[in-house]
Amino acid sequence: MFTIALAWQILYIEIYKYIYIILFMNQSTTVFKSLADETRLSIVRKLARDGCEVNSHDIVNDCSVALSLSQPTMSHHFQKLVAAGVLLERKIGVEKRYVLNRELLESTGINPDKL
């Protein structure tokens, strides 16, 4: 017997599915857009090779020298990666440390070791 309560349950399930799809697709799109830039992709490659948490000062300086970009430009790229969730940022006093969010990348189908 199809009751109104059952109809509401089905409606709720469909709404939750829709919300999940929108959130997941939006997150995937944000990740892919952040990696579409060659500079940010190079940053992610370096962090994937290092495989550990790094000091912001060290990684920004290394990347700015290697890519011939200024420190403010590199900081901008790091903030884009943090905003997309690709990098996790941890603050210790005034120092920032970054680590690659492997779980997020793998959930979107990206193997960081093969970039």
PDB file of N, CA and C in Angstrom:
ATOM      1  N   MET A   1       0.841  -1.169   0.000  1.00  0.00           N
ATOM      2  CA  MET A   1       0.000   0.000   0.000  1.00  0.00           C
ATOM      3  C   MET A   1       0.893   1.243   0.000  1.00  0.00           C
ATOM      4  N   PHE A   2       0.656   2.099  -0.928  1.00  0.00           N
ATOM      5  CA  PHE A   2       1.426   3.323  -1.073  1.00  0.00           C
ATOM      6  C   PHE A   2       0.792   4.407  -0.211  1.00  0.00           C
ATOM      7  N   THR A   3       1.504   4.806   0.835  1.00  0.00           N
ATOM      8  CA  THR A   3       0.945   5.807   1.751  1.00  0.00           C
ATOM      9  C   THR A   3       1.643   7.150   1.543  1.00  0.00           C
ATOM     10  N   ILE A   4       1.090   8.148   2.128  1.00  0.00           N
ATOM     11  CA  ILE A   4       1.682   9.487   2.042  1.00  0.00           C
ATOM     12  C   ILE A   4       3.031   9.513   2.750  1.00  0.00           C
ATOM     13  N   ALA A   5       3.136   8.806   3.866  1.00  0.00           N
ATOM     14  CA  ALA A   5       4.412   8.748   4.595  1.00  0.00           C
ATOM     15  C   ALA A   5       5.498   8.132   3.716  1.00  0.00           C
ATOM     16  N   LEU A   6       5.162   7.073   2.999  1.00  0.00           N
ATOM     17  CA  LEU A   6       6.120   6.436   2.105  1.00  0.00           C
ATOM     18  C   LEU A   6       6.496   7.377   0.970  1.00  0.00           C
ATOM     19  N   ALA A   7       5.553   8.101   0.460  1.00  0.00           N
ATOM     20  CA  ALA A   7       5.822   9.076  -0.609  1.00  0.00           C
ATOM     21  C   ALA A   7       6.793  10.146  -0.121  1.00  0.00           C
ATOM     22  N   TRP A   8       6.603  10.617   1.112  1.00  0.00           N
ATOM     23  CA  TRP A   8       7.525  11.613   1.673  1.00  0.00           C
ATOM     24  C   TRP A   8       8.922  11.035   1.859  1.00  0.00           C
ATOM     25  N   GLN A   9       9.004   9.797   2.296  1.00  0.00           N
ATOM     26  CA  GLN A   9      10.312   9.155   2.466  1.00  0.00           C
ATOM     27  C   GLN A   9      11.039   9.062   1.128  1.00  0.00           C
ATOM     28  N   ILE A  10      10.322   8.664   0.101  1.00  0.00           N
ATOM     29  CA  ILE A  10      10.932   8.559  -1.232  1.00  0.00           C
ATOM     30  C   ILE A  10      11.374   9.943  -1.709  1.00  0.00           C
ATOM     31  N   LEU A  11      10.554  10.945  -1.471  1.00  0.00           N
ATOM     32  CA  LEU A  11      10.911  12.308  -1.861  1.00  0.00           C
ATOM     33  C   LEU A  11      12.173  12.767  -1.134  1.00  0.00           C
ATOM     34  N   TYR A  12      12.254  12.519   0.169  1.00  0.00           N
ATOM     35  CA  TYR A  12      13.445  12.884   0.938  1.00  0.00           C
ATOM     36  C   TYR A  12      14.687  12.190   0.403  1.00  0.00           C
ATOM     37  N   ILE A  13      14.581  10.925   0.082  1.00  0.00           N
ATOM     38  CA  ILE A  13      15.720  10.166  -0.453  1.00  0.00           C
ATOM     39  C   ILE A  13      16.167  10.771  -1.778  1.00  0.00           C
ATOM     40  N   GLU A  14      15.232  11.090  -2.635  1.00  0.00           N
ATOM     41  CA  GLU A  14      15.570  11.687  -3.930  1.00  0.00           C
ATOM     42  C   GLU A  14      16.224  13.054  -3.758  1.00  0.00           C
ATOM     43  N   ILE A  15      15.745  13.840  -2.816  1.00  0.00           N
ATOM     44  CA  ILE A  15      16.340  15.154  -2.554  1.00  0.00           C
ATOM     45  C   ILE A  15      17.769  14.993  -2.046  1.00  0.00           C
ATOM     46  N   TYR A  16      18.007  14.072  -1.132  1.00  0.00           N
ATOM     47  CA  TYR A  16      19.358  13.833  -0.618  1.00  0.00           C
ATOM     48  C   TYR A  16      20.298  13.351  -1.710  1.00  0.00           C
ATOM     49  N   LYS A  17      19.813  12.489  -2.598  1.00  0.00           N
ATOM     50  CA  LYS A  17      20.633  12.041  -3.727  1.00  0.00           C
ATOM     51  C   LYS A  17      21.035  13.222  -4.598  1.00  0.00           C
ATOM     52  N   TYR A  18      20.071  14.085  -4.884  1.00  0.00           N
ATOM     53  CA  TYR A  18      20.315  15.251  -5.716  1.00  0.00           C
ATOM     54  C   TYR A  18      21.345  16.180  -5.073  1.00  0.00           C
ATOM     55  N   ILE A  19      21.189  16.438  -3.780  1.00  0.00           N
ATOM     56  CA  ILE A  19      22.136  17.296  -3.060  1.00  0.00           C
ATOM     57  C   ILE A  19      23.530  16.677  -3.070  1.00  0.00           C
ATOM     58  N   TYR A  20      23.619  15.368  -2.834  1.00  0.00           N
ATOM     59  CA  TYR A  20      24.917  14.692  -2.844  1.00  0.00           C
ATOM     60  C   TYR A  20      25.585  14.823  -4.211  1.00  0.00           C
ATOM     61  N   ILE A  21      24.832  14.604  -5.268  1.00  0.00           N
ATOM     62  CA  ILE A  21      25.391  14.702  -6.618  1.00  0.00           C
ATOM     63  C   ILE A  21      25.887  16.115  -6.888  1.00  0.00           C
ATOM     64  N   ILE A  22      25.104  17.111  -6.511  1.00  0.00           N
ATOM     65  CA  ILE A  22      25.515  18.499  -6.738  1.00  0.00           C
ATOM     66  C   ILE A  22      26.786  18.813  -5.956  1.00  0.00           C
ATOM     67  N   LEU A  23      26.839  18.428  -4.690  1.00  0.00           N
ATOM     68  CA  LEU A  23      28.021  18.718  -3.876  1.00  0.00           C
ATOM     69  C   LEU A  23      29.247  17.979  -4.393  1.00  0.00           C
ATOM     70  N   PHE A  24      29.098  16.707  -4.737  1.00  0.00           N
ATOM     71  CA  PHE A  24      30.234  15.925  -5.207  1.00  0.00           C
ATOM     72  C   PHE A  24      30.724  16.447  -6.544  1.00  0.00           C
ATOM     73  N   MET A  25      29.815  16.728  -7.459  1.00  0.00           N
ATOM     74  CA  MET A  25      30.209  17.216  -8.777  1.00  0.00           C
ATOM     75  C   MET A  25      30.857  18.589  -8.660  1.00  0.00           C
ATOM     76  N   ASN A  26      30.328  19.433  -7.798  1.00  0.00           N
ATOM     77  CA  ASN A  26      30.892  20.755  -7.614  1.00  0.00           C
ATOM     78  C   ASN A  26      32.308  20.658  -7.056  1.00  0.00           C
ATOM     79  N   GLN A  27      32.526  19.766  -6.101  1.00  0.00           N
ATOM     80  CA  GLN A  27      33.845  19.593  -5.521  1.00  0.00           C
ATOM     81  C   GLN A  27      34.824  19.051  -6.560  1.00  0.00           C
ATOM     82  N   SER A  28      34.396  18.094  -7.346  1.00  0.00           N
ATOM     83  CA  SER A  28      35.256  17.541  -8.400  1.00  0.00           C
ATOM     84  C   SER A  28      35.623  18.611  -9.412  1.00  0.00           C
ATOM     85  N   THR A  29      34.651  19.411  -9.792  1.00  0.00           N
ATOM     86  CA  THR A  29      34.908  20.487 -10.754  1.00  0.00           C
ATOM     87  C   THR A  29      35.927  21.471 -10.197  1.00  0.00           C
ATOM     88  N   THR A  30      35.797  21.819  -8.934  1.00  0.00           N
ATOM     89  CA  THR A  30      36.731  22.745  -8.296  1.00  0.00           C
ATOM     90  C   THR A  30      38.142  22.170  -8.282  1.00  0.00           C
ATOM     91  N   VAL A  31      38.265  20.879  -7.974  1.00  0.00           N
ATOM     92  CA  VAL A  31      39.581  20.229  -7.952  1.00  0.00           C
ATOM     93  C   VAL A  31      40.195  20.247  -9.341  1.00  0.00           C
ATOM     94  N   PHE A  32      39.423  19.856 -10.348  1.00  0.00           N
ATOM     95  CA  PHE A  32      39.960  19.818 -11.711  1.00  0.00           C
ATOM     96  C   PHE A  32      40.332  21.211 -12.216  1.00  0.00           C
ATOM     97  N   LYS A  33      39.529  22.210 -11.879  1.00  0.00           N
ATOM     98  CA  LYS A  33      39.859  23.578 -12.290  1.00  0.00           C
ATOM     99  C   LYS A  33      41.158  24.056 -11.633  1.00  0.00           C
ATOM    100  N   SER A  34      41.341  23.701 -10.370  1.00  0.00           N
ATOM    101  CA  SER A  34      42.559  24.134  -9.683  1.00  0.00           C
ATOM    102  C   SER A  34      43.799  23.472 -10.272  1.00  0.00           C
ATOM    103  N   LEU A  35      43.649  22.255 -10.794  1.00  0.00           N
ATOM    104  CA  LEU A  35      44.785  21.544 -11.378  1.00  0.00           C
ATOM    105  C   LEU A  35      44.979  21.853 -12.859  1.00  0.00           C
ATOM    106  N   ALA A  36      44.095  22.645 -13.446  1.00  0.00           N
ATOM    107  CA  ALA A  36      44.203  22.970 -14.866  1.00  0.00           C
ATOM    108  C   ALA A  36      45.346  23.937 -15.146  1.00  0.00           C
ATOM    109  N   ASP A  37      45.797  24.640 -14.128  1.00  0.00           N
ATOM    110  CA  ASP A  37      46.909  25.576 -14.277  1.00  0.00           C
ATOM    111  C   ASP A  37      48.233  24.827 -14.134  1.00  0.00           C
ATOM    112  N   GLU A  38      49.144  25.052 -15.049  1.00  0.00           N
ATOM    113  CA  GLU A  38      50.424  24.326 -15.059  1.00  0.00           C
ATOM    114  C   GLU A  38      51.249  24.598 -13.794  1.00  0.00           C
ATOM    115  N   THR A  39      51.213  25.816 -13.293  1.00  0.00           N
ATOM    116  CA  THR A  39      51.963  26.145 -12.071  1.00  0.00           C
ATOM    117  C   THR A  39      51.428  25.350 -10.888  1.00  0.00           C
ATOM    118  N   ARG A  40      50.102  25.328 -10.728  1.00  0.00           N
ATOM    119  CA  ARG A  40      49.518  24.589  -9.607  1.00  0.00           C
ATOM    120  C   ARG A  40      49.735  23.087  -9.766  1.00  0.00           C
ATOM    121  N   LEU A  41      49.684  22.603 -10.989  1.00  0.00           N
ATOM    122  CA  LEU A  41      49.961  21.186 -11.224  1.00  0.00           C
ATOM    123  C   LEU A  41      51.405  20.854 -10.847  1.00  0.00           C
ATOM    124  N   SER A  42      52.337  21.760 -11.138  1.00  0.00           N
ATOM    125  CA  SER A  42      53.737  21.551 -10.753  1.00  0.00           C
ATOM    126  C   SER A  42      53.898  21.512  -9.232  1.00  0.00           C
ATOM    127  N   ILE A  43      53.170  22.365  -8.543  1.00  0.00           N
ATOM    128  CA  ILE A  43      53.210  22.376  -7.072  1.00  0.00           C
ATOM    129  C   ILE A  43      52.724  21.037  -6.531  1.00  0.00           C
ATOM    130  N   VAL A  44      51.608  20.554  -7.061  1.00  0.00           N
ATOM    131  CA  VAL A  44      51.040  19.287  -6.600  1.00  0.00           C
ATOM    132  C   VAL A  44      51.995  18.137  -6.910  1.00  0.00           C
ATOM    133  N   ARG A  45      52.621  18.164  -8.075  1.00  0.00           N
ATOM    134  CA  ARG A  45      53.601  17.119  -8.422  1.00  0.00           C
ATOM    135  C   ARG A  45      54.743  17.093  -7.412  1.00  0.00           C
ATOM    136  N   LYS A  46      55.261  18.283  -7.072  1.00  0.00           N
ATOM    137  CA  LYS A  46      56.381  18.349  -6.116  1.00  0.00           C
ATOM    138  C   LYS A  46      55.966  17.814  -4.753  1.00  0.00           C
ATOM    139  N   LEU A  47      54.788  18.217  -4.288  1.00  0.00           N
ATOM    140  CA  LEU A  47      54.314  17.739  -2.990  1.00  0.00           C
ATOM    141  C   LEU A  47      54.040  16.239  -3.016  1.00  0.00           C
ATOM    142  N   ALA A  48      53.576  15.712  -4.147  1.00  0.00           N
ATOM    143  CA  ALA A  48      53.335  14.273  -4.265  1.00  0.00           C
ATOM    144  C   ALA A  48      54.655  13.513  -4.206  1.00  0.00           C
ATOM    145  N   ARG A  49      55.698  14.070  -4.835  1.00  0.00           N
ATOM    146  CA  ARG A  49      57.027  13.426  -4.781  1.00  0.00           C
ATOM    147  C   ARG A  49      57.588  13.449  -3.371  1.00  0.00           C
ATOM    148  N   ASP A  50      57.446  14.604  -2.691  1.00  0.00           N
ATOM    149  CA  ASP A  50      57.983  14.735  -1.328  1.00  0.00           C
ATOM    150  C   ASP A  50      57.223  13.842  -0.357  1.00  0.00           C
ATOM    151  N   GLY A  51      55.908  13.780  -0.504  1.00  0.00           N
ATOM    152  CA  GLY A  51      55.092  12.884   0.299  1.00  0.00           C
ATOM    153  C   GLY A  51      54.984  13.212   1.776  1.00  0.00           C
ATOM    154  N   CYS A  52      55.299  14.446   2.162  1.00  0.00           N
ATOM    155  CA  CYS A  52      55.197  14.799   3.580  1.00  0.00           C
ATOM    156  C   CYS A  52      54.755  16.255   3.708  1.00  0.00           C
ATOM    157  N   GLU A  53      54.470  16.646   4.918  1.00  0.00           N
ATOM    158  CA  GLU A  53      54.094  18.026   5.201  1.00  0.00           C
ATOM    159  C   GLU A  53      55.317  18.918   5.036  1.00  0.00           C
ATOM    160  N   VAL A  54      55.131  20.083   4.388  1.00  0.00           N
ATOM    161  CA  VAL A  54      56.262  20.977   4.147  1.00  0.00           C
ATOM    162  C   VAL A  54      55.972  22.371   4.681  1.00  0.00           C
ATOM    163  N   ASN A  55      57.018  23.053   5.039  1.00  0.00           N
ATOM    164  CA  ASN A  55      56.953  24.428   5.514  1.00  0.00           C
ATOM    165  C   ASN A  55      56.639  25.333   4.331  1.00  0.00           C
ATOM    166  N   SER A  56      55.726  26.281   4.515  1.00  0.00           N
ATOM    167  CA  SER A  56      55.324  27.161   3.414  1.00  0.00           C
ATOM    168  C   SER A  56      56.505  27.964   2.875  1.00  0.00           C
ATOM    169  N   HIS A  57      57.360  28.431   3.755  1.00  0.00           N
ATOM    170  CA  HIS A  57      58.513  29.225   3.324  1.00  0.00           C
ATOM    171  C   HIS A  57      59.398  28.411   2.377  1.00  0.00           C
ATOM    172  N   ASP A  58      59.680  27.185   2.735  1.00  0.00           N
ATOM    173  CA  ASP A  58      60.550  26.337   1.913  1.00  0.00           C
ATOM    174  C   ASP A  58      59.930  26.016   0.560  1.00  0.00           C
ATOM    175  N   ILE A  59      58.692  25.582   0.556  1.00  0.00           N
ATOM    176  CA  ILE A  59      58.058  25.153  -0.694  1.00  0.00           C
ATOM    177  C   ILE A  59      57.792  26.337  -1.616  1.00  0.00           C
ATOM    178  N   VAL A  60      57.373  27.474  -1.064  1.00  0.00           N
ATOM    179  CA  VAL A  60      57.118  28.655  -1.899  1.00  0.00           C
ATOM    180  C   VAL A  60      58.418  29.139  -2.528  1.00  0.00           C
ATOM    181  N   ASN A  61      59.504  29.176  -1.747  1.00  0.00           N
ATOM    182  CA  ASN A  61      60.794  29.607  -2.297  1.00  0.00           C
ATOM    183  C   ASN A  61      61.304  28.622  -3.354  1.00  0.00           C
ATOM    184  N   ASP A  62      61.218  27.321  -3.072  1.00  0.00           N
ATOM    185  CA  ASP A  62      61.672  26.317  -4.046  1.00  0.00           C
ATOM    186  C   ASP A  62      60.910  26.436  -5.358  1.00  0.00           C
ATOM    187  N   CYS A  63      59.606  26.549  -5.254  1.00  0.00           N
ATOM    188  CA  CYS A  63      58.769  26.622  -6.460  1.00  0.00           C
ATOM    189  C   CYS A  63      58.950  27.944  -7.194  1.00  0.00           C
ATOM    190  N   SER A  64      59.101  29.038  -6.466  1.00  0.00           N
ATOM    191  CA  SER A  64      59.264  30.327  -7.139  1.00  0.00           C
ATOM    192  C   SER A  64      60.577  30.376  -7.915  1.00  0.00           C
ATOM    193  N   VAL A  65      61.628  29.758  -7.379  1.00  0.00           N
ATOM    194  CA  VAL A  65      62.908  29.699  -8.101  1.00  0.00           C
ATOM    195  C   VAL A  65      62.786  28.768  -9.303  1.00  0.00           C
ATOM    196  N   ALA A  66      62.208  27.598  -9.095  1.00  0.00           N
ATOM    197  CA  ALA A  66      62.102  26.608 -10.172  1.00  0.00           C
ATOM    198  C   ALA A  66      61.198  27.099 -11.301  1.00  0.00           C
ATOM    199  N   LEU A  67      60.141  27.822 -10.977  1.00  0.00           N
ATOM    200  CA  LEU A  67      59.177  28.255 -11.991  1.00  0.00           C
ATOM    201  C   LEU A  67      59.364  29.713 -12.407  1.00  0.00           C
ATOM    202  N   SER A  68      60.367  30.378 -11.842  1.00  0.00           N
ATOM    203  CA  SER A  68      60.663  31.786 -12.147  1.00  0.00           C
ATOM    204  C   SER A  68      59.452  32.698 -11.926  1.00  0.00           C
ATOM    205  N   LEU A  69      58.822  32.530 -10.777  1.00  0.00           N
ATOM    206  CA  LEU A  69      57.678  33.359 -10.413  1.00  0.00           C
ATOM    207  C   LEU A  69      57.950  34.047  -9.080  1.00  0.00           C
ATOM    208  N   SER A  70      57.286  35.171  -8.860  1.00  0.00           N
ATOM    209  CA  SER A  70      57.489  35.907  -7.613  1.00  0.00           C
ATOM    210  C   SER A  70      56.806  35.192  -6.444  1.00  0.00           C
ATOM    211  N   GLN A  71      57.222  35.548  -5.250  1.00  0.00           N
ATOM    212  CA  GLN A  71      56.654  34.942  -4.048  1.00  0.00           C
ATOM    213  C   GLN A  71      55.158  35.242  -3.913  1.00  0.00           C
ATOM    214  N   PRO A  72      54.698  36.475  -4.173  1.00  0.00           N
ATOM    215  CA  PRO A  72      53.256  36.722  -4.086  1.00  0.00           C
ATOM    216  C   PRO A  72      52.442  35.890  -5.089  1.00  0.00           C
ATOM    217  N   THR A  73      52.998  35.678  -6.270  1.00  0.00           N
ATOM    218  CA  THR A  73      52.310  34.851  -7.271  1.00  0.00           C
ATOM    219  C   THR A  73      52.213  33.410  -6.786  1.00  0.00           C
ATOM    220  N   MET A  74      53.293  32.907  -6.206  1.00  0.00           N
ATOM    221  CA  MET A  74      53.277  31.538  -5.690  1.00  0.00           C
ATOM    222  C   MET A  74      52.282  31.408  -4.542  1.00  0.00           C
ATOM    223  N   SER A  75      52.236  32.396  -3.669  1.00  0.00           N
ATOM    224  CA  SER A  75      51.284  32.368  -2.555  1.00  0.00           C
ATOM    225  C   SER A  75      49.842  32.340  -3.070  1.00  0.00           C
ATOM    226  N   HIS A  76      49.597  33.086  -4.138  1.00  0.00           N
ATOM    227  CA  HIS A  76      48.270  33.078  -4.765  1.00  0.00           C
ATOM    228  C   HIS A  76      47.909  31.670  -5.246  1.00  0.00           C
ATOM    229  N   HIS A  77      48.838  30.992  -5.896  1.00  0.00           N
ATOM    230  CA  HIS A  77      48.587  29.642  -6.386  1.00  0.00           C
ATOM    231  C   HIS A  77      48.350  28.666  -5.224  1.00  0.00           C
ATOM    232  N   PHE A  78      49.102  28.809  -4.158  1.00  0.00           N
ATOM    233  CA  PHE A  78      48.910  27.946  -2.989  1.00  0.00           C
ATOM    234  C   PHE A  78      47.524  28.171  -2.385  1.00  0.00           C
ATOM    235  N   GLN A  79      47.080  29.427  -2.311  1.00  0.00           N
ATOM    236  CA  GLN A  79      45.763  29.707  -1.758  1.00  0.00           C
ATOM    237  C   GLN A  79      44.651  29.124  -2.625  1.00  0.00           C
ATOM    238  N   LYS A  80      44.830  29.127  -3.935  1.00  0.00           N
ATOM    239  CA  LYS A  80      43.841  28.508  -4.835  1.00  0.00           C
ATOM    240  C   LYS A  80      43.750  27.008  -4.564  1.00  0.00           C
ATOM    241  N   LEU A  81      44.900  26.352  -4.362  1.00  0.00           N
ATOM    242  CA  LEU A  81      44.915  24.910  -4.083  1.00  0.00           C
ATOM    243  C   LEU A  81      44.291  24.602  -2.723  1.00  0.00           C
ATOM    244  N   VAL A  82      44.528  25.461  -1.747  1.00  0.00           N
ATOM    245  CA  VAL A  82      43.922  25.281  -0.414  1.00  0.00           C
ATOM    246  C   VAL A  82      42.411  25.473  -0.509  1.00  0.00           C
ATOM    247  N   ALA A  83      41.965  26.498  -1.237  1.00  0.00           N
ATOM    248  CA  ALA A  83      40.529  26.769  -1.376  1.00  0.00           C
ATOM    249  C   ALA A  83      39.807  25.602  -2.060  1.00  0.00           C
ATOM    250  N   ALA A  84      40.493  24.933  -2.988  1.00  0.00           N
ATOM    251  CA  ALA A  84      39.892  23.788  -3.687  1.00  0.00           C
ATOM    252  C   ALA A  84      39.952  22.521  -2.851  1.00  0.00           C
ATOM    253  N   GLY A  85      40.727  22.546  -1.764  1.00  0.00           N
ATOM    254  CA  GLY A  85      40.855  21.368  -0.916  1.00  0.00           C
ATOM    255  C   GLY A  85      41.973  20.425  -1.339  1.00  0.00           C
ATOM    256  N   VAL A  86      42.703  20.793  -2.386  1.00  0.00           N
ATOM    257  CA  VAL A  86      43.791  19.943  -2.879  1.00  0.00           C
ATOM    258  C   VAL A  86      44.940  19.919  -1.876  1.00  0.00           C
ATOM    259  N   LEU A  87      45.187  21.063  -1.240  1.00  0.00           N
ATOM    260  CA  LEU A  87      46.199  21.137  -0.189  1.00  0.00           C
ATOM    261  C   LEU A  87      45.512  21.400   1.144  1.00  0.00           C
ATOM    262  N   LEU A  88      46.044  20.796   2.176  1.00  0.00           N
ATOM    263  CA  LEU A  88      45.585  21.070   3.529  1.00  0.00           C
ATOM    264  C   LEU A  88      46.613  21.988   4.173  1.00  0.00           C
ATOM    265  N   GLU A  89      46.123  23.042   4.799  1.00  0.00           N
ATOM    266  CA  GLU A  89      46.992  24.046   5.400  1.00  0.00           C
ATOM    267  C   GLU A  89      46.863  23.963   6.912  1.00  0.00           C
ATOM    268  N   ARG A  90      48.023  23.969   7.575  1.00  0.00           N
ATOM    269  CA  ARG A  90      48.028  23.954   9.040  1.00  0.00           C
ATOM    270  C   ARG A  90      48.900  25.104   9.506  1.00  0.00           C
ATOM    271  N   LYS A  91      48.364  25.900  10.433  1.00  0.00           N
ATOM    272  CA  LYS A  91      49.118  27.046  10.937  1.00  0.00           C
ATOM    273  C   LYS A  91      49.703  26.716  12.299  1.00  0.00           C
ATOM    274  N   ILE A  92      50.978  27.039  12.446  1.00  0.00           N
ATOM    275  CA  ILE A  92      51.680  26.897  13.721  1.00  0.00           C
ATOM    276  C   ILE A  92      52.268  28.274  14.015  1.00  0.00           C
ATOM    277  N   GLY A  93      51.607  29.022  14.863  1.00  0.00           N
ATOM    278  CA  GLY A  93      52.031  30.398  15.104  1.00  0.00           C
ATOM    279  C   GLY A  93      51.823  31.211  13.835  1.00  0.00           C
ATOM    280  N   VAL A  94      52.901  31.801  13.323  1.00  0.00           N
ATOM    281  CA  VAL A  94      52.816  32.562  12.075  1.00  0.00           C
ATOM    282  C   VAL A  94      53.232  31.725  10.867  1.00  0.00           C
ATOM    283  N   GLU A  95      53.702  30.527  11.129  1.00  0.00           N
ATOM    284  CA  GLU A  95      54.165  29.644  10.054  1.00  0.00           C
ATOM    285  C   GLU A  95      53.016  28.782   9.528  1.00  0.00           C
ATOM    286  N   LYS A  96      53.013  28.556   8.219  1.00  0.00           N
ATOM    287  CA  LYS A  96      52.033  27.667   7.602  1.00  0.00           C
ATOM    288  C   LYS A  96      52.756  26.429   7.092  1.00  0.00           C
ATOM    289  N   ARG A  97      52.037  25.303   7.155  1.00  0.00           N
ATOM    290  CA  ARG A  97      52.566  24.055   6.624  1.00  0.00           C
ATOM    291  C   ARG A  97      51.510  23.465   5.701  1.00  0.00           C
ATOM    292  N   TYR A  98      51.973  22.880   4.600  1.00  0.00           N
ATOM    293  CA  TYR A  98      51.065  22.318   3.603  1.00  0.00           C
ATOM    294  C   TYR A  98      51.306  20.827   3.449  1.00  0.00           C
ATOM    295  N   VAL A  99      50.211  20.118   3.200  1.00  0.00           N
ATOM    296  CA  VAL A  99      50.294  18.692   2.886  1.00  0.00           C
ATOM    297  C   VAL A  99      49.244  18.422   1.804  1.00  0.00           C
ATOM    298  N   LEU A 100      49.568  17.505   0.917  1.00  0.00           N
ATOM    299  CA  LEU A 100      48.673  17.145  -0.175  1.00  0.00           C
ATOM    300  C   LEU A 100      47.488  16.352   0.359  1.00  0.00           C
ATOM    301  N   ASN A 101      46.296  16.691  -0.065  1.00  0.00           N
ATOM    302  CA  ASN A 101      45.082  15.988   0.362  1.00  0.00           C
ATOM    303  C   ASN A 101      44.863  14.802  -0.578  1.00  0.00           C
ATOM    304  N   ARG A 102      45.600  13.730  -0.335  1.00  0.00           N
ATOM    305  CA  ARG A 102      45.550  12.549  -1.200  1.00  0.00           C
ATOM    306  C   ARG A 102      44.160  11.922  -1.224  1.00  0.00           C
ATOM    307  N   GLU A 103      43.488  11.940  -0.102  1.00  0.00           N
ATOM    308  CA  GLU A 103      42.153  11.336  -0.018  1.00  0.00           C
ATOM    309  C   GLU A 103      41.178  12.020  -0.983  1.00  0.00           C
ATOM    310  N   LEU A 104      41.205  13.339  -1.020  1.00  0.00           N
ATOM    311  CA  LEU A 104      40.325  14.076  -1.923  1.00  0.00           C
ATOM    312  C   LEU A 104      40.682  13.794  -3.379  1.00  0.00           C
ATOM    313  N   LEU A 105      41.971  13.831  -3.688  1.00  0.00           N
ATOM    314  CA  LEU A 105      42.395  13.583  -5.074  1.00  0.00           C
ATOM    315  C   LEU A 105      41.989  12.186  -5.527  1.00  0.00           C
ATOM    316  N   GLU A 106      42.200  11.204  -4.668  1.00  0.00           N
ATOM    317  CA  GLU A 106      41.848   9.828  -5.036  1.00  0.00           C
ATOM    318  C   GLU A 106      40.334   9.655  -5.154  1.00  0.00           C
ATOM    319  N   SER A 107      39.564  10.398  -4.353  1.00  0.00           N
ATOM    320  CA  SER A 107      38.102  10.293  -4.454  1.00  0.00           C
ATOM    321  C   SER A 107      37.581  10.889  -5.758  1.00  0.00           C
ATOM    322  N   THR A 108      38.352  11.770  -6.377  1.00  0.00           N
ATOM    323  CA  THR A 108      37.960  12.330  -7.680  1.00  0.00           C
ATOM    324  C   THR A 108      38.601  11.579  -8.832  1.00  0.00           C
ATOM    325  N   GLY A 109      39.319  10.487  -8.519  1.00  0.00           N
ATOM    326  CA  GLY A 109      39.893   9.649  -9.570  1.00  0.00           C
ATOM    327  C   GLY A 109      41.292  10.051  -9.989  1.00  0.00           C
ATOM    328  N   ILE A 110      41.967  10.850  -9.176  1.00  0.00           N
ATOM    329  CA  ILE A 110      43.327  11.312  -9.513  1.00  0.00           C
ATOM    330  C   ILE A 110      44.310  10.590  -8.623  1.00  0.00           C
ATOM    331  N   ASN A 111      45.289   9.948  -9.223  1.00  0.00           N
ATOM    332  CA  ASN A 111      46.365   9.316  -8.466  1.00  0.00           C
ATOM    333  C   ASN A 111      47.522  10.320  -8.416  1.00  0.00           C
ATOM    334  N   PRO A 112      47.794  10.911  -7.252  1.00  0.00           N
ATOM    335  CA  PRO A 112      48.831  11.946  -7.157  1.00  0.00           C
ATOM    336  C   PRO A 112      50.215  11.449  -7.567  1.00  0.00           C
ATOM    337  N   ASP A 113      50.477  10.171  -7.394  1.00  0.00           N
ATOM    338  CA  ASP A 113      51.801   9.639  -7.740  1.00  0.00           C
ATOM    339  C   ASP A 113      52.015   9.528  -9.249  1.00  0.00           C
ATOM    340  N   LYS A 114      50.943   9.620 -10.028  1.00  0.00           N
ATOM    341  CA  LYS A 114      51.055   9.495 -11.481  1.00  0.00           C
ATOM    342  C   LYS A 114      50.912  10.821 -12.209  1.00  0.00           C
ATOM    343  N   LEU A 115      50.887  11.927 -11.477  1.00  0.00           N
ATOM    344  CA  LEU A 115      50.765  13.233 -12.115  1.00  0.00           C
ATOM    345  C   LEU A 115      52.054  13.622 -12.793  1.00  0.00           C
TER     346      LEU A 115
END
